N, C-alpha and C. Protein backbone atom coordinates (compact mmCIF):
# COMPACT_ATOMS: atom_id res chain seq x y z
N UNK A 1 1.22 -31.27 11.26
CA UNK A 1 1.11 -29.91 11.78
C UNK A 1 0.54 -29.99 13.18
N UNK A 2 1.14 -29.28 14.09
CA UNK A 2 0.58 -29.20 15.43
C UNK A 2 -0.79 -28.56 15.37
N UNK A 3 -1.61 -28.83 16.36
CA UNK A 3 -2.93 -28.22 16.40
C UNK A 3 -2.81 -26.71 16.46
N UNK A 4 -3.84 -26.03 16.02
CA UNK A 4 -3.83 -24.57 15.97
C UNK A 4 -3.58 -23.96 17.35
N UNK A 5 -4.10 -24.61 18.40
CA UNK A 5 -3.92 -24.05 19.74
C UNK A 5 -2.50 -24.27 20.24
N UNK A 6 -1.83 -25.32 19.77
CA UNK A 6 -0.46 -25.62 20.20
C UNK A 6 0.57 -24.80 19.45
N UNK A 7 0.26 -24.34 18.26
CA UNK A 7 1.22 -23.63 17.42
C UNK A 7 1.60 -22.30 18.05
N UNK A 8 2.91 -22.03 18.05
CA UNK A 8 3.43 -20.78 18.62
C UNK A 8 3.30 -19.66 17.59
N UNK A 9 2.69 -18.56 18.00
CA UNK A 9 2.56 -17.41 17.12
C UNK A 9 3.95 -16.91 16.74
N UNK A 10 4.13 -16.63 15.45
CA UNK A 10 5.42 -16.18 14.94
C UNK A 10 5.76 -14.81 15.51
N UNK A 11 7.02 -14.63 15.82
CA UNK A 11 7.49 -13.35 16.34
C UNK A 11 7.56 -12.28 15.26
N UNK A 12 7.56 -11.05 15.71
CA UNK A 12 7.57 -9.90 14.80
C UNK A 12 8.81 -9.91 13.90
N UNK A 13 9.97 -10.15 14.45
CA UNK A 13 11.20 -10.13 13.66
C UNK A 13 11.17 -11.18 12.56
N UNK A 14 10.74 -12.40 12.89
CA UNK A 14 10.67 -13.45 11.88
C UNK A 14 9.70 -13.08 10.76
N UNK A 15 8.58 -12.50 11.13
CA UNK A 15 7.60 -12.10 10.12
C UNK A 15 8.14 -11.00 9.22
N UNK A 16 8.81 -10.02 9.80
CA UNK A 16 9.36 -8.92 9.00
C UNK A 16 10.43 -9.43 8.05
N UNK A 17 11.31 -10.30 8.53
CA UNK A 17 12.36 -10.84 7.66
C UNK A 17 11.75 -11.68 6.55
N UNK A 18 10.75 -12.51 6.87
CA UNK A 18 10.10 -13.34 5.85
C UNK A 18 9.45 -12.47 4.78
N UNK A 19 8.75 -11.42 5.20
CA UNK A 19 8.10 -10.52 4.23
C UNK A 19 9.16 -9.78 3.42
N UNK A 20 10.30 -9.44 4.05
CA UNK A 20 11.39 -8.77 3.33
C UNK A 20 11.94 -9.66 2.22
N UNK A 21 12.07 -10.95 2.50
CA UNK A 21 12.52 -11.90 1.46
C UNK A 21 11.53 -11.90 0.30
N UNK A 22 10.24 -11.92 0.63
CA UNK A 22 9.21 -11.89 -0.43
C UNK A 22 9.27 -10.60 -1.23
N UNK A 23 9.52 -9.48 -0.58
CA UNK A 23 9.63 -8.19 -1.27
C UNK A 23 10.85 -8.19 -2.19
N UNK A 24 11.95 -8.78 -1.75
CA UNK A 24 13.15 -8.88 -2.59
C UNK A 24 12.84 -9.69 -3.84
N UNK A 25 12.07 -10.75 -3.70
CA UNK A 25 11.66 -11.56 -4.86
C UNK A 25 10.82 -10.72 -5.81
N UNK A 26 9.91 -9.94 -5.26
CA UNK A 26 9.06 -9.07 -6.09
C UNK A 26 9.91 -8.03 -6.82
N UNK A 27 10.84 -7.40 -6.10
CA UNK A 27 11.70 -6.39 -6.72
C UNK A 27 12.57 -7.01 -7.82
N UNK A 28 13.04 -8.24 -7.61
CA UNK A 28 13.83 -8.92 -8.64
C UNK A 28 12.98 -9.16 -9.88
N UNK A 29 11.72 -9.57 -9.69
CA UNK A 29 10.83 -9.79 -10.83
C UNK A 29 10.61 -8.50 -11.61
N UNK A 30 10.43 -7.40 -10.88
CA UNK A 30 10.21 -6.09 -11.53
C UNK A 30 11.46 -5.68 -12.31
N UNK A 31 12.62 -5.94 -11.74
CA UNK A 31 13.88 -5.55 -12.39
C UNK A 31 14.16 -6.40 -13.64
N UNK A 32 13.88 -7.69 -13.54
CA UNK A 32 14.17 -8.60 -14.65
C UNK A 32 13.18 -8.42 -15.79
N UNK A 33 11.92 -8.29 -15.46
CA UNK A 33 10.86 -8.12 -16.46
C UNK A 33 10.07 -6.86 -16.13
N UNK A 34 10.54 -5.70 -16.55
CA UNK A 34 9.94 -4.44 -16.09
C UNK A 34 8.41 -4.36 -16.18
N UNK A 35 7.81 -4.73 -17.29
CA UNK A 35 6.35 -4.59 -17.40
C UNK A 35 5.63 -5.78 -16.79
N UNK A 36 5.95 -6.97 -17.22
CA UNK A 36 5.28 -8.17 -16.69
C UNK A 36 5.70 -8.45 -15.25
N UNK A 37 6.91 -8.04 -14.89
CA UNK A 37 7.42 -8.30 -13.53
C UNK A 37 6.60 -7.62 -12.46
N UNK A 38 6.09 -6.43 -12.75
CA UNK A 38 5.27 -5.73 -11.77
C UNK A 38 3.99 -6.51 -11.50
N UNK A 39 3.33 -6.95 -12.56
CA UNK A 39 2.10 -7.73 -12.40
C UNK A 39 2.38 -9.07 -11.73
N UNK A 40 3.49 -9.69 -12.11
CA UNK A 40 3.87 -10.96 -11.46
C UNK A 40 4.16 -10.74 -9.99
N UNK A 41 4.80 -9.63 -9.67
CA UNK A 41 5.11 -9.31 -8.27
C UNK A 41 3.86 -9.09 -7.44
N UNK A 42 2.90 -8.35 -7.99
CA UNK A 42 1.63 -8.13 -7.28
C UNK A 42 0.90 -9.46 -7.11
N UNK A 43 0.92 -10.27 -8.17
CA UNK A 43 0.28 -11.59 -8.09
C UNK A 43 0.92 -12.46 -7.02
N UNK A 44 2.25 -12.45 -6.97
CA UNK A 44 2.96 -13.23 -5.95
C UNK A 44 2.62 -12.72 -4.55
N UNK A 45 2.56 -11.40 -4.39
CA UNK A 45 2.21 -10.83 -3.09
C UNK A 45 0.84 -11.33 -2.64
N UNK A 46 -0.10 -11.40 -3.58
CA UNK A 46 -1.46 -11.81 -3.24
C UNK A 46 -1.58 -13.30 -2.95
N UNK A 47 -0.97 -14.16 -3.76
CA UNK A 47 -1.18 -15.60 -3.60
C UNK A 47 -0.05 -16.35 -2.91
N UNK A 48 1.06 -15.68 -2.66
CA UNK A 48 2.26 -16.35 -2.13
C UNK A 48 2.03 -17.17 -0.88
N UNK A 49 1.20 -16.68 0.03
CA UNK A 49 0.97 -17.42 1.28
C UNK A 49 0.06 -18.62 1.08
N UNK A 50 -0.62 -18.71 -0.04
CA UNK A 50 -1.49 -19.84 -0.32
C UNK A 50 -0.78 -20.95 -1.06
N UNK A 51 0.46 -20.72 -1.44
CA UNK A 51 1.25 -21.72 -2.14
C UNK A 51 1.98 -22.60 -1.13
N UNK A 52 2.30 -23.79 -1.53
CA UNK A 52 3.19 -24.64 -0.75
C UNK A 52 2.76 -24.80 0.70
N UNK A 53 1.52 -25.13 0.92
CA UNK A 53 1.05 -25.40 2.28
C UNK A 53 1.06 -24.22 3.22
N UNK A 54 0.64 -23.06 2.75
CA UNK A 54 0.55 -21.88 3.60
C UNK A 54 1.87 -21.15 3.80
N UNK A 55 2.80 -21.34 2.88
CA UNK A 55 4.12 -20.74 3.03
C UNK A 55 4.56 -20.04 1.74
N UNK A 56 4.80 -18.75 1.82
CA UNK A 56 5.48 -18.06 0.73
C UNK A 56 6.94 -18.50 0.81
N UNK A 57 7.75 -18.10 -0.15
CA UNK A 57 9.16 -18.48 -0.10
C UNK A 57 9.85 -17.93 1.15
N UNK A 58 9.53 -16.68 1.49
CA UNK A 58 10.12 -16.09 2.69
C UNK A 58 9.73 -16.84 3.96
N UNK A 59 8.47 -17.19 4.07
CA UNK A 59 8.00 -17.93 5.24
C UNK A 59 8.61 -19.33 5.28
N UNK A 60 8.73 -19.95 4.13
CA UNK A 60 9.35 -21.29 4.07
C UNK A 60 10.79 -21.24 4.57
N UNK A 61 11.53 -20.24 4.11
CA UNK A 61 12.94 -20.11 4.53
C UNK A 61 13.08 -19.88 6.04
N UNK A 62 12.13 -19.21 6.64
CA UNK A 62 12.21 -18.89 8.06
C UNK A 62 11.38 -19.81 8.95
N UNK A 63 10.79 -20.84 8.36
CA UNK A 63 10.06 -21.82 9.15
C UNK A 63 8.74 -21.31 9.70
N UNK A 64 8.05 -20.49 8.91
CA UNK A 64 6.74 -19.98 9.32
C UNK A 64 5.67 -20.56 8.42
N UNK A 65 4.45 -20.56 8.90
CA UNK A 65 3.32 -21.03 8.10
C UNK A 65 2.09 -20.19 8.46
N UNK A 66 1.27 -19.93 7.46
CA UNK A 66 0.02 -19.20 7.68
C UNK A 66 -1.09 -20.23 7.84
N UNK A 67 -1.79 -20.13 8.96
CA UNK A 67 -2.90 -21.03 9.23
C UNK A 67 -4.21 -20.29 9.03
N UNK A 68 -5.15 -20.96 8.42
CA UNK A 68 -6.48 -20.40 8.22
C UNK A 68 -7.44 -20.97 9.25
N UNK A 69 -8.68 -21.05 8.85
CA UNK A 69 -9.72 -21.57 9.72
C UNK A 69 -9.38 -22.99 10.17
N UNK A 70 -9.74 -23.29 11.40
CA UNK A 70 -9.57 -24.62 11.97
C UNK A 70 -8.12 -25.09 11.98
N UNK A 71 -7.17 -24.17 11.87
CA UNK A 71 -5.76 -24.53 11.95
C UNK A 71 -5.20 -25.18 10.70
N UNK A 72 -5.92 -25.12 9.59
CA UNK A 72 -5.43 -25.69 8.34
C UNK A 72 -4.56 -24.67 7.61
N UNK A 73 -3.64 -25.16 6.78
CA UNK A 73 -2.76 -24.28 6.02
C UNK A 73 -3.58 -23.33 5.15
N UNK A 74 -3.13 -22.11 5.06
CA UNK A 74 -3.77 -21.06 4.26
C UNK A 74 -3.88 -21.50 2.80
N UNK A 75 -5.04 -21.26 2.23
CA UNK A 75 -5.29 -21.55 0.82
C UNK A 75 -5.17 -20.25 0.01
N UNK A 76 -5.21 -20.37 -1.31
CA UNK A 76 -5.04 -19.20 -2.19
C UNK A 76 -6.09 -18.12 -1.89
N UNK A 77 -7.34 -18.51 -1.71
CA UNK A 77 -8.39 -17.53 -1.43
C UNK A 77 -8.08 -16.73 -0.16
N UNK A 78 -7.68 -17.43 0.89
CA UNK A 78 -7.32 -16.75 2.15
C UNK A 78 -6.09 -15.88 1.96
N UNK A 79 -5.13 -16.36 1.17
CA UNK A 79 -3.92 -15.58 0.91
C UNK A 79 -4.26 -14.27 0.22
N UNK A 80 -5.15 -14.32 -0.76
CA UNK A 80 -5.56 -13.09 -1.46
C UNK A 80 -6.23 -12.14 -0.48
N UNK A 81 -7.13 -12.66 0.34
CA UNK A 81 -7.81 -11.81 1.32
C UNK A 81 -6.84 -11.18 2.31
N UNK A 82 -5.87 -11.97 2.81
CA UNK A 82 -4.97 -11.45 3.84
C UNK A 82 -3.93 -10.48 3.27
N UNK A 83 -3.68 -10.57 1.97
CA UNK A 83 -2.65 -9.71 1.37
C UNK A 83 -3.20 -8.63 0.47
N UNK A 84 -4.52 -8.48 0.41
CA UNK A 84 -5.13 -7.48 -0.47
C UNK A 84 -4.68 -6.06 -0.09
N UNK A 85 -4.51 -5.80 1.19
CA UNK A 85 -4.07 -4.46 1.59
C UNK A 85 -2.63 -4.19 1.13
N UNK A 86 -1.76 -5.19 1.28
CA UNK A 86 -0.37 -5.02 0.85
C UNK A 86 -0.26 -4.94 -0.67
N UNK A 87 -1.04 -5.77 -1.37
CA UNK A 87 -1.06 -5.70 -2.83
C UNK A 87 -1.55 -4.34 -3.31
N UNK A 88 -2.58 -3.83 -2.64
CA UNK A 88 -3.07 -2.49 -2.97
C UNK A 88 -2.01 -1.43 -2.73
N UNK A 89 -1.24 -1.60 -1.66
CA UNK A 89 -0.14 -0.67 -1.38
C UNK A 89 0.90 -0.68 -2.48
N UNK A 90 1.22 -1.87 -2.98
CA UNK A 90 2.20 -1.97 -4.07
C UNK A 90 1.67 -1.29 -5.32
N UNK A 91 0.40 -1.48 -5.61
CA UNK A 91 -0.21 -0.83 -6.79
C UNK A 91 -0.19 0.69 -6.63
N UNK A 92 -0.53 1.17 -5.43
CA UNK A 92 -0.50 2.61 -5.16
C UNK A 92 0.90 3.19 -5.36
N UNK A 93 1.91 2.40 -5.09
CA UNK A 93 3.30 2.87 -5.18
C UNK A 93 3.64 3.35 -6.59
N UNK A 94 2.92 2.85 -7.59
CA UNK A 94 3.17 3.26 -8.98
C UNK A 94 2.73 4.69 -9.27
N UNK A 95 1.90 5.27 -8.39
CA UNK A 95 1.41 6.63 -8.59
C UNK A 95 2.35 7.59 -7.85
N UNK A 96 3.03 8.46 -8.57
CA UNK A 96 3.99 9.36 -7.91
C UNK A 96 3.35 10.22 -6.82
N UNK A 97 4.09 10.49 -5.82
CA UNK A 97 3.83 11.33 -4.66
C UNK A 97 2.60 10.90 -3.86
N UNK A 98 1.40 11.13 -4.34
CA UNK A 98 0.21 10.78 -3.55
C UNK A 98 0.12 9.28 -3.35
N UNK A 99 0.46 8.52 -4.38
CA UNK A 99 0.47 7.05 -4.26
C UNK A 99 1.51 6.59 -3.26
N UNK A 100 2.68 7.22 -3.27
CA UNK A 100 3.74 6.86 -2.32
C UNK A 100 3.29 7.12 -0.89
N UNK A 101 2.62 8.24 -0.70
CA UNK A 101 2.14 8.60 0.64
C UNK A 101 1.07 7.60 1.10
N UNK A 102 0.13 7.30 0.21
CA UNK A 102 -0.93 6.35 0.56
C UNK A 102 -0.38 4.95 0.79
N UNK A 103 0.56 4.53 -0.05
CA UNK A 103 1.17 3.21 0.12
C UNK A 103 1.92 3.13 1.45
N UNK A 104 2.68 4.16 1.76
CA UNK A 104 3.41 4.19 3.04
C UNK A 104 2.42 4.15 4.21
N UNK A 105 1.29 4.82 4.07
CA UNK A 105 0.27 4.81 5.13
C UNK A 105 -0.32 3.41 5.30
N UNK A 106 -0.57 2.72 4.20
CA UNK A 106 -1.11 1.35 4.26
C UNK A 106 -0.12 0.44 4.98
N UNK A 107 1.16 0.49 4.56
CA UNK A 107 2.17 -0.38 5.17
C UNK A 107 2.36 -0.05 6.65
N UNK A 108 2.38 1.25 6.97
CA UNK A 108 2.55 1.67 8.36
C UNK A 108 1.37 1.22 9.22
N UNK A 109 0.15 1.35 8.71
CA UNK A 109 -1.03 0.94 9.46
C UNK A 109 -1.01 -0.57 9.72
N UNK A 110 -0.67 -1.34 8.70
CA UNK A 110 -0.57 -2.80 8.87
C UNK A 110 0.45 -3.14 9.97
N UNK A 111 1.60 -2.46 9.93
CA UNK A 111 2.67 -2.73 10.91
C UNK A 111 2.24 -2.32 12.31
N UNK A 112 1.60 -1.18 12.45
CA UNK A 112 1.15 -0.71 13.77
C UNK A 112 0.11 -1.66 14.35
N UNK A 113 -0.83 -2.10 13.52
CA UNK A 113 -1.84 -3.06 13.97
C UNK A 113 -1.17 -4.36 14.41
N UNK A 114 -0.20 -4.83 13.63
CA UNK A 114 0.53 -6.05 13.98
C UNK A 114 1.23 -5.92 15.32
N UNK A 115 1.90 -4.81 15.54
CA UNK A 115 2.62 -4.59 16.80
C UNK A 115 1.64 -4.54 17.97
N UNK A 116 0.50 -3.90 17.78
CA UNK A 116 -0.46 -3.72 18.86
C UNK A 116 -1.38 -4.90 19.10
N UNK A 117 -1.35 -5.89 18.23
CA UNK A 117 -2.27 -7.02 18.37
C UNK A 117 -1.73 -8.06 19.35
N UNK A 118 -2.49 -8.39 20.37
CA UNK A 118 -2.03 -9.42 21.31
C UNK A 118 -1.91 -10.80 20.65
N UNK A 119 -2.68 -11.03 19.58
CA UNK A 119 -2.62 -12.31 18.87
C UNK A 119 -1.61 -12.30 17.73
N UNK A 120 -0.92 -11.17 17.52
CA UNK A 120 0.06 -11.07 16.44
C UNK A 120 -0.59 -11.09 15.06
N UNK A 121 -1.73 -10.43 14.94
CA UNK A 121 -2.45 -10.40 13.66
C UNK A 121 -2.51 -8.98 13.12
N UNK A 122 -2.32 -8.86 11.80
CA UNK A 122 -2.45 -7.56 11.15
C UNK A 122 -3.83 -7.48 10.53
N UNK A 123 -4.14 -6.36 9.86
CA UNK A 123 -5.46 -6.17 9.27
C UNK A 123 -5.81 -7.32 8.31
N UNK A 124 -4.87 -7.67 7.47
CA UNK A 124 -5.11 -8.77 6.52
C UNK A 124 -5.45 -10.08 7.21
N UNK A 125 -4.79 -10.35 8.34
CA UNK A 125 -5.10 -11.57 9.10
C UNK A 125 -6.52 -11.52 9.66
N UNK A 126 -6.93 -10.36 10.09
CA UNK A 126 -8.30 -10.20 10.61
C UNK A 126 -9.32 -10.42 9.49
N UNK A 127 -9.05 -9.86 8.32
CA UNK A 127 -9.97 -10.01 7.18
C UNK A 127 -10.11 -11.47 6.78
N UNK A 128 -8.98 -12.19 6.70
CA UNK A 128 -8.99 -13.57 6.21
C UNK A 128 -9.12 -14.60 7.32
N UNK A 129 -9.13 -14.16 8.57
CA UNK A 129 -9.17 -15.06 9.72
C UNK A 129 -7.99 -16.04 9.69
N UNK A 130 -6.79 -15.47 9.56
CA UNK A 130 -5.57 -16.27 9.52
C UNK A 130 -4.63 -15.83 10.62
N UNK A 131 -3.59 -16.64 10.84
CA UNK A 131 -2.51 -16.24 11.73
C UNK A 131 -1.23 -16.92 11.29
N UNK A 132 -0.11 -16.28 11.60
CA UNK A 132 1.20 -16.80 11.21
C UNK A 132 1.83 -17.43 12.44
N UNK A 133 2.25 -18.69 12.27
CA UNK A 133 2.84 -19.42 13.38
C UNK A 133 4.17 -20.02 12.96
N UNK A 134 4.93 -20.43 13.95
CA UNK A 134 6.19 -21.12 13.70
C UNK A 134 5.87 -22.58 13.41
N UNK A 135 6.43 -23.11 12.35
CA UNK A 135 6.25 -24.52 12.01
C UNK A 135 7.32 -25.32 12.72
N UNK A 136 7.02 -26.58 13.01
CA UNK A 136 8.06 -27.44 13.58
C UNK A 136 9.16 -27.60 12.55
N UNK A 137 10.39 -27.82 13.00
CA UNK A 137 11.55 -27.89 12.12
C UNK A 137 11.34 -28.88 10.98
N UNK A 138 10.83 -30.06 11.26
CA UNK A 138 10.65 -31.06 10.21
C UNK A 138 9.58 -30.66 9.21
N UNK A 139 8.66 -29.77 9.60
CA UNK A 139 7.62 -29.31 8.68
C UNK A 139 8.06 -28.11 7.86
N UNK A 140 9.06 -27.40 8.32
CA UNK A 140 9.46 -26.14 7.69
C UNK A 140 10.25 -26.36 6.41
N UNK A 141 10.75 -27.55 6.17
CA UNK A 141 11.60 -27.79 5.01
C UNK A 141 10.80 -27.98 3.75
């Protein structure tokens, strides 16, 4: 892994597509196993970035990696911290109307913070002290 200072911060489009892949995986789990799938999906949202060397499946496919302190790959604890807001949003989504509004507000706030951050960090990244970077091609596989 390149040093943390050498690593290029991941672009917004790559991050959105990677998270979209992860959301598709979550939706598939919910569809296949309606009751257990929801819990599995929330669990995956929380720990996904701590698996496989700081890469959820979406990030792995797009060659991204989440780095924690000192430029090391994100661990499960950091993944839970960085994704707690998104996991909470998914849980809120189960509550009709008010939950949908609150969930949409959580997702919108995360996205706005990400767009406005010069370091490309969202609220979850600030909480967990992480950042998403592009991995070198040979590391992304």
